[in-house]
Amino acid sequence: MAQSQPSAVRFYAPDAPQLARTLRGRLEAHRNDLVGQVADGCGSDWADYRYRVGMIAGLVWAIEECGIAEKALRDD
């Protein structure tokens, strides 16, 4: 049976699970900052508000992807 290629995370990170947790933590912190900004009403106009909400949505997606990657690393 042919051996599969290592993932980029596993190839470049000596401790891939720790890297995934660290990345997820930083993404969550950034998301929480943006959520706080939106909740405080610091957006200067509608476009700025939409931009911040879009960034939050993107960060939520990235955090979910980190969870999927962590699960895949644990299952290996």
PDB file of N, CA and C in Angstrom:
ATOM      1  N   MET A   1       0.844  -1.171   0.000  1.00  0.00           N
ATOM      2  CA  MET A   1       0.000   0.000   0.000  1.00  0.00           C
ATOM      3  C   MET A   1       0.890   1.235   0.000  1.00  0.00           C
ATOM      4  N   ALA A   2       0.541   2.228  -0.823  1.00  0.00           N
ATOM      5  CA  ALA A   2       1.330   3.448  -0.922  1.00  0.00           C
ATOM      6  C   ALA A   2       1.123   4.311   0.322  1.00  0.00           C
ATOM      7  N   GLN A   3       2.218   4.920   0.759  1.00  0.00           N
ATOM      8  CA  GLN A   3       2.143   5.770   1.934  1.00  0.00           C
ATOM      9  C   GLN A   3       1.680   7.167   1.501  1.00  0.00           C
ATOM     10  N   SER A   4       0.764   7.762   2.254  1.00  0.00           N
ATOM     11  CA  SER A   4       0.247   9.075   1.888  1.00  0.00           C
ATOM     12  C   SER A   4       1.259  10.155   2.233  1.00  0.00           C
ATOM     13  N   GLN A   5       1.142  11.286   1.538  1.00  0.00           N
ATOM     14  CA  GLN A   5       2.009  12.429   1.788  1.00  0.00           C
ATOM     15  C   GLN A   5       1.635  13.064   3.128  1.00  0.00           C
ATOM     16  N   PRO A   6       2.606  13.584   3.867  1.00  0.00           N
ATOM     17  CA  PRO A   6       2.288  14.248   5.129  1.00  0.00           C
ATOM     18  C   PRO A   6       1.570  15.567   4.858  1.00  0.00           C
ATOM     19  N   SER A   7       0.690  15.955   5.784  1.00  0.00           N
ATOM     20  CA  SER A   7       0.000  17.233   5.625  1.00  0.00           C
ATOM     21  C   SER A   7       0.997  18.360   5.837  1.00  0.00           C
ATOM     22  N   ALA A   8       0.660  19.560   5.361  1.00  0.00           N
ATOM     23  CA  ALA A   8       1.547  20.706   5.520  1.00  0.00           C
ATOM     24  C   ALA A   8       1.766  21.016   6.988  1.00  0.00           C
ATOM     25  N   VAL A   9       0.715  20.897   7.797  1.00  0.00           N
ATOM     26  CA  VAL A   9       0.859  21.172   9.228  1.00  0.00           C
ATOM     27  C   VAL A   9       1.820  20.176   9.854  1.00  0.00           C
ATOM     28  N   ARG A  10       1.650  18.912   9.558  1.00  0.00           N
ATOM     29  CA  ARG A  10       2.499  17.881  10.149  1.00  0.00           C
ATOM     30  C   ARG A  10       3.938  18.011   9.619  1.00  0.00           C
ATOM     31  N   PHE A  11       4.102  18.423   8.377  1.00  0.00           N
ATOM     32  CA  PHE A  11       5.418  18.513   7.766  1.00  0.00           C
ATOM     33  C   PHE A  11       6.228  19.669   8.352  1.00  0.00           C
ATOM     34  N   TYR A  12       5.597  20.818   8.553  1.00  0.00           N
ATOM     35  CA  TYR A  12       6.324  22.006   8.985  1.00  0.00           C
ATOM     36  C   TYR A  12       6.315  22.228  10.488  1.00  0.00           C
ATOM     37  N   ALA A  13       5.446  21.606  11.214  1.00  0.00           N
ATOM     38  CA  ALA A  13       5.351  21.844  12.656  1.00  0.00           C
ATOM     39  C   ALA A  13       5.797  20.604  13.416  1.00  0.00           C
ATOM     40  N   PRO A  14       6.802  20.729  14.259  1.00  0.00           N
ATOM     41  CA  PRO A  14       7.231  19.558  15.025  1.00  0.00           C
ATOM     42  C   PRO A  14       6.161  19.078  15.997  1.00  0.00           C
ATOM     43  N   ASP A  15       5.320  19.972  16.484  1.00  0.00           N
ATOM     44  CA  ASP A  15       4.229  19.600  17.388  1.00  0.00           C
ATOM     45  C   ASP A  15       2.929  20.110  16.778  1.00  0.00           C
ATOM     46  N   ALA A  16       2.423  19.391  15.794  1.00  0.00           N
ATOM     47  CA  ALA A  16       1.254  19.840  15.036  1.00  0.00           C
ATOM     48  C   ALA A  16       0.018  20.078  15.901  1.00  0.00           C
ATOM     49  N   PRO A  17      -0.315  19.216  16.858  1.00  0.00           N
ATOM     50  CA  PRO A  17      -1.490  19.506  17.690  1.00  0.00           C
ATOM     51  C   PRO A  17      -1.346  20.807  18.474  1.00  0.00           C
ATOM     52  N   GLN A  18      -0.150  21.075  18.984  1.00  0.00           N
ATOM     53  CA  GLN A  18       0.067  22.321  19.717  1.00  0.00           C
ATOM     54  C   GLN A  18      -0.081  23.519  18.780  1.00  0.00           C
ATOM     55  N   LEU A  19       0.418  23.404  17.557  1.00  0.00           N
ATOM     56  CA  LEU A  19       0.276  24.481  16.578  1.00  0.00           C
ATOM     57  C   LEU A  19      -1.191  24.746  16.294  1.00  0.00           C
ATOM     58  N   ALA A  20      -1.973  23.701  16.110  1.00  0.00           N
ATOM     59  CA  ALA A  20      -3.400  23.861  15.819  1.00  0.00           C
ATOM     60  C   ALA A  20      -4.116  24.531  16.992  1.00  0.00           C
ATOM     61  N   ARG A  21      -3.792  24.135  18.226  1.00  0.00           N
ATOM     62  CA  ARG A  21      -4.427  24.759  19.402  1.00  0.00           C
ATOM     63  C   ARG A  21      -4.036  26.221  19.526  1.00  0.00           C
ATOM     64  N   THR A  22      -2.764  26.523  19.280  1.00  0.00           N
ATOM     65  CA  THR A  22      -2.291  27.902  19.365  1.00  0.00           C
ATOM     66  C   THR A  22      -2.967  28.767  18.313  1.00  0.00           C
ATOM     67  N   LEU A  23      -3.038  28.267  17.092  1.00  0.00           N
ATOM     68  CA  LEU A  23      -3.692  29.016  16.027  1.00  0.00           C
ATOM     69  C   LEU A  23      -5.159  29.238  16.355  1.00  0.00           C
ATOM     70  N   ARG A  24      -5.836  28.214  16.799  1.00  0.00           N
ATOM     71  CA  ARG A  24      -7.251  28.345  17.141  1.00  0.00           C
ATOM     72  C   ARG A  24      -7.429  29.361  18.262  1.00  0.00           C
ATOM     73  N   GLY A  25      -6.569  29.337  19.255  1.00  0.00           N
ATOM     74  CA  GLY A  25      -6.652  30.294  20.355  1.00  0.00           C
ATOM     75  C   GLY A  25      -6.482  31.734  19.890  1.00  0.00           C
ATOM     76  N   ARG A  26      -5.544  31.963  18.993  1.00  0.00           N
ATOM     77  CA  ARG A  26      -5.330  33.316  18.473  1.00  0.00           C
ATOM     78  C   ARG A  26      -6.515  33.768  17.630  1.00  0.00           C
ATOM     79  N   LEU A  27      -7.070  32.857  16.831  1.00  0.00           N
ATOM     80  CA  LEU A  27      -8.246  33.208  16.030  1.00  0.00           C
ATOM     81  C   LEU A  27      -9.433  33.542  16.926  1.00  0.00           C
ATOM     82  N   GLU A  28      -9.619  32.756  17.985  1.00  0.00           N
ATOM     83  CA  GLU A  28     -10.721  33.016  18.915  1.00  0.00           C
ATOM     84  C   GLU A  28     -10.542  34.354  19.623  1.00  0.00           C
ATOM     85  N   ALA A  29      -9.320  34.690  20.005  1.00  0.00           N
ATOM     86  CA  ALA A  29      -9.068  35.970  20.668  1.00  0.00           C
ATOM     87  C   ALA A  29      -9.385  37.133  19.726  1.00  0.00           C
ATOM     88  N   HIS A  30      -8.976  37.007  18.473  1.00  0.00           N
ATOM     89  CA  HIS A  30      -9.258  38.060  17.491  1.00  0.00           C
ATOM     90  C   HIS A  30     -10.768  38.170  17.251  1.00  0.00           C
ATOM     91  N   ARG A  31     -11.441  37.038  17.148  1.00  0.00           N
ATOM     92  CA  ARG A  31     -12.900  37.048  16.972  1.00  0.00           C
ATOM     93  C   ARG A  31     -13.569  37.730  18.162  1.00  0.00           C
ATOM     94  N   ASN A  32     -13.141  37.398  19.371  1.00  0.00           N
ATOM     95  CA  ASN A  32     -13.733  37.998  20.564  1.00  0.00           C
ATOM     96  C   ASN A  32     -13.516  39.513  20.597  1.00  0.00           C
ATOM     97  N   ASP A  33     -12.343  39.965  20.158  1.00  0.00           N
ATOM     98  CA  ASP A  33     -12.091  41.410  20.083  1.00  0.00           C
ATOM     99  C   ASP A  33     -13.066  42.083  19.121  1.00  0.00           C
ATOM    100  N   LEU A  34     -13.252  41.475  17.955  1.00  0.00           N
ATOM    101  CA  LEU A  34     -14.170  42.048  16.972  1.00  0.00           C
ATOM    102  C   LEU A  34     -15.612  42.018  17.467  1.00  0.00           C
ATOM    103  N   VAL A  35     -15.999  40.944  18.132  1.00  0.00           N
ATOM    104  CA  VAL A  35     -17.359  40.867  18.681  1.00  0.00           C
ATOM    105  C   VAL A  35     -17.560  41.988  19.698  1.00  0.00           C
ATOM    106  N   GLY A  36     -16.568  42.221  20.533  1.00  0.00           N
ATOM    107  CA  GLY A  36     -16.650  43.310  21.502  1.00  0.00           C
ATOM    108  C   GLY A  36     -16.763  44.667  20.836  1.00  0.00           C
ATOM    109  N   GLN A  37     -16.009  44.859  19.757  1.00  0.00           N
ATOM    110  CA  GLN A  37     -16.071  46.124  19.028  1.00  0.00           C
ATOM    111  C   GLN A  37     -17.454  46.347  18.432  1.00  0.00           C
ATOM    112  N   VAL A  38     -18.018  45.300  17.835  1.00  0.00           N
ATOM    113  CA  VAL A  38     -19.352  45.424  17.248  1.00  0.00           C
ATOM    114  C   VAL A  38     -20.387  45.669  18.343  1.00  0.00           C
ATOM    115  N   ALA A  39     -20.262  44.973  19.465  1.00  0.00           N
ATOM    116  CA  ALA A  39     -21.211  45.140  20.565  1.00  0.00           C
ATOM    117  C   ALA A  39     -21.141  46.543  21.161  1.00  0.00           C
ATOM    118  N   ASP A  40     -19.943  47.129  21.174  1.00  0.00           N
ATOM    119  CA  ASP A  40     -19.772  48.482  21.707  1.00  0.00           C
ATOM    120  C   ASP A  40     -20.185  49.554  20.705  1.00  0.00           C
ATOM    121  N   GLY A  41     -20.494  49.155  19.476  1.00  0.00           N
ATOM    122  CA  GLY A  41     -20.930  50.111  18.459  1.00  0.00           C
ATOM    123  C   GLY A  41     -19.819  51.000  17.944  1.00  0.00           C
ATOM    124  N   CYS A  42     -18.613  50.466  17.846  1.00  0.00           N
ATOM    125  CA  CYS A  42     -17.494  51.314  17.426  1.00  0.00           C
ATOM    126  C   CYS A  42     -17.395  51.458  15.910  1.00  0.00           C
ATOM    127  N   GLY A  43     -18.255  50.811  15.157  1.00  0.00           N
ATOM    128  CA  GLY A  43     -18.233  50.968  13.705  1.00  0.00           C
ATOM    129  C   GLY A  43     -18.570  52.391  13.310  1.00  0.00           C
ATOM    130  N   SER A  44     -17.796  52.936  12.385  1.00  0.00           N
ATOM    131  CA  SER A  44     -18.000  54.329  11.999  1.00  0.00           C
ATOM    132  C   SER A  44     -19.179  54.510  11.050  1.00  0.00           C
ATOM    133  N   ASP A  45     -19.477  53.486  10.280  1.00  0.00           N
ATOM    134  CA  ASP A  45     -20.603  53.564   9.352  1.00  0.00           C
ATOM    135  C   ASP A  45     -21.058  52.147   9.013  1.00  0.00           C
ATOM    136  N   TRP A  46     -22.059  52.046   8.157  1.00  0.00           N
ATOM    137  CA  TRP A  46     -22.621  50.753   7.797  1.00  0.00           C
ATOM    138  C   TRP A  46     -21.584  49.847   7.139  1.00  0.00           C
ATOM    139  N   ALA A  47     -20.756  50.404   6.274  1.00  0.00           N
ATOM    140  CA  ALA A  47     -19.739  49.596   5.592  1.00  0.00           C
ATOM    141  C   ALA A  47     -18.731  49.017   6.590  1.00  0.00           C
ATOM    142  N   ASP A  48     -18.340  49.809   7.572  1.00  0.00           N
ATOM    143  CA  ASP A  48     -17.395  49.332   8.586  1.00  0.00           C
ATOM    144  C   ASP A  48     -18.025  48.221   9.421  1.00  0.00           C
ATOM    145  N   TYR A  49     -19.291  48.406   9.789  1.00  0.00           N
ATOM    146  CA  TYR A  49     -20.018  47.379  10.544  1.00  0.00           C
ATOM    147  C   TYR A  49     -20.074  46.073   9.746  1.00  0.00           C
ATOM    148  N   ARG A  50     -20.452  46.165   8.479  1.00  0.00           N
ATOM    149  CA  ARG A  50     -20.525  44.964   7.631  1.00  0.00           C
ATOM    150  C   ARG A  50     -19.166  44.303   7.509  1.00  0.00           C
ATOM    151  N   TYR A  51     -18.109  45.091   7.374  1.00  0.00           N
ATOM    152  CA  TYR A  51     -16.760  44.545   7.280  1.00  0.00           C
ATOM    153  C   TYR A  51     -16.418  43.745   8.536  1.00  0.00           C
ATOM    154  N   ARG A  52     -16.700  44.335   9.710  1.00  0.00           N
ATOM    155  CA  ARG A  52     -16.382  43.657  10.974  1.00  0.00           C
ATOM    156  C   ARG A  52     -17.200  42.373  11.126  1.00  0.00           C
ATOM    157  N   VAL A  53     -18.467  42.422  10.771  1.00  0.00           N
ATOM    158  CA  VAL A  53     -19.315  41.226  10.865  1.00  0.00           C
ATOM    159  C   VAL A  53     -18.817  40.163   9.885  1.00  0.00           C
ATOM    160  N   GLY A  54     -18.390  40.563   8.710  1.00  0.00           N
ATOM    161  CA  GLY A  54     -17.822  39.612   7.751  1.00  0.00           C
ATOM    162  C   GLY A  54     -16.537  38.987   8.258  1.00  0.00           C
ATOM    163  N   MET A  55     -15.704  39.795   8.919  1.00  0.00           N
ATOM    164  CA  MET A  55     -14.471  39.261   9.510  1.00  0.00           C
ATOM    165  C   MET A  55     -14.799  38.243  10.597  1.00  0.00           C
ATOM    166  N   ILE A  56     -15.810  38.536  11.400  1.00  0.00           N
ATOM    167  CA  ILE A  56     -16.225  37.597  12.447  1.00  0.00           C
ATOM    168  C   ILE A  56     -16.675  36.282  11.820  1.00  0.00           C
ATOM    169  N   ALA A  57     -17.471  36.372  10.758  1.00  0.00           N
ATOM    170  CA  ALA A  57     -17.939  35.149  10.083  1.00  0.00           C
ATOM    171  C   ALA A  57     -16.761  34.350   9.527  1.00  0.00           C
ATOM    172  N   GLY A  58     -15.793  35.024   8.956  1.00  0.00           N
ATOM    173  CA  GLY A  58     -14.616  34.336   8.440  1.00  0.00           C
ATOM    174  C   GLY A  58     -13.805  33.679   9.538  1.00  0.00           C
ATOM    175  N   LEU A  59     -13.674  34.359  10.666  1.00  0.00           N
ATOM    176  CA  LEU A  59     -12.937  33.784  11.792  1.00  0.00           C
ATOM    177  C   LEU A  59     -13.664  32.578  12.372  1.00  0.00           C
ATOM    178  N   VAL A  60     -14.991  32.640  12.435  1.00  0.00           N
ATOM    179  CA  VAL A  60     -15.767  31.487  12.916  1.00  0.00           C
ATOM    180  C   VAL A  60     -15.500  30.286  12.007  1.00  0.00           C
ATOM    181  N   TRP A  61     -15.494  30.520  10.707  1.00  0.00           N
ATOM    182  CA  TRP A  61     -15.219  29.433   9.759  1.00  0.00           C
ATOM    183  C   TRP A  61     -13.805  28.870   9.989  1.00  0.00           C
ATOM    184  N   ALA A  62     -12.826  29.759  10.158  1.00  0.00           N
ATOM    185  CA  ALA A  62     -11.444  29.311  10.363  1.00  0.00           C
ATOM    186  C   ALA A  62     -11.304  28.522  11.665  1.00  0.00           C
ATOM    187  N   ILE A  63     -11.999  28.956  12.705  1.00  0.00           N
ATOM    188  CA  ILE A  63     -11.950  28.241  13.989  1.00  0.00           C
ATOM    189  C   ILE A  63     -12.543  26.843  13.840  1.00  0.00           C
ATOM    190  N   GLU A  64     -13.638  26.738  13.104  1.00  0.00           N
ATOM    191  CA  GLU A  64     -14.237  25.425  12.855  1.00  0.00           C
ATOM    192  C   GLU A  64     -13.273  24.537  12.075  1.00  0.00           C
ATOM    193  N   GLU A  65     -12.576  25.100  11.097  1.00  0.00           N
ATOM    194  CA  GLU A  65     -11.593  24.328  10.330  1.00  0.00           C
ATOM    195  C   GLU A  65     -10.443  23.861  11.220  1.00  0.00           C
ATOM    196  N   CYS A  66     -10.026  24.685  12.168  1.00  0.00           N
ATOM    197  CA  CYS A  66      -8.979  24.267  13.117  1.00  0.00           C
ATOM    198  C   CYS A  66      -9.452  23.073  13.936  1.00  0.00           C
ATOM    199  N   GLY A  67     -10.717  23.098  14.343  1.00  0.00           N
ATOM    200  CA  GLY A  67     -11.270  21.970  15.083  1.00  0.00           C
ATOM    201  C   GLY A  67     -11.259  20.700  14.265  1.00  0.00           C
ATOM    202  N   ILE A  68     -11.578  20.820  12.995  1.00  0.00           N
ATOM    203  CA  ILE A  68     -11.554  19.655  12.098  1.00  0.00           C
ATOM    204  C   ILE A  68     -10.129  19.133  11.951  1.00  0.00           C
ATOM    205  N   ALA A  69      -9.168  20.067  11.805  1.00  0.00           N
ATOM    206  CA  ALA A  69      -7.771  19.648  11.665  1.00  0.00           C
ATOM    207  C   ALA A  69      -7.256  18.996  12.938  1.00  0.00           C
ATOM    208  N   GLU A  70      -7.628  19.540  14.090  1.00  0.00           N
ATOM    209  CA  GLU A  70      -7.213  18.930  15.364  1.00  0.00           C
ATOM    210  C   GLU A  70      -7.759  17.519  15.486  1.00  0.00           C
ATOM    211  N   LYS A  71      -9.016  17.330  15.104  1.00  0.00           N
ATOM    212  CA  LYS A  71      -9.611  16.002  15.176  1.00  0.00           C
ATOM    213  C   LYS A  71      -8.890  15.031  14.248  1.00  0.00           C
ATOM    214  N   ALA A  72      -8.555  15.497  13.046  1.00  0.00           N
ATOM    215  CA  ALA A  72      -7.848  14.633  12.094  1.00  0.00           C
ATOM    216  C   ALA A  72      -6.470  14.263  12.627  1.00  0.00           C
ATOM    217  N   LEU A  73      -5.801  15.200  13.289  1.00  0.00           N
ATOM    218  CA  LEU A  73      -4.471  14.910  13.840  1.00  0.00           C
ATOM    219  C   LEU A  73      -4.569  13.907  14.997  1.00  0.00           C
ATOM    220  N   ARG A  74      -5.620  14.017  15.800  1.00  0.00           N
ATOM    221  CA  ARG A  74      -5.792  13.068  16.907  1.00  0.00           C
ATOM    222  C   ARG A  74      -6.112  11.663  16.390  1.00  0.00           C
ATOM    223  N   ASP A  75      -6.824  11.600  15.267  1.00  0.00           N
ATOM    224  CA  ASP A  75      -7.236  10.302  14.728  1.00  0.00           C
ATOM    225  C   ASP A  75      -6.102   9.569  14.030  1.00  0.00           C
ATOM    226  N   ASP A  76      -5.030  10.302  13.674  1.00  0.00           N
ATOM    227  CA  ASP A  76      -3.891   9.646  12.983  1.00  0.00           C
ATOM    228  C   ASP A  76      -3.123   8.753  13.877  1.00  0.00           C
TER     229      ASP A  76
END
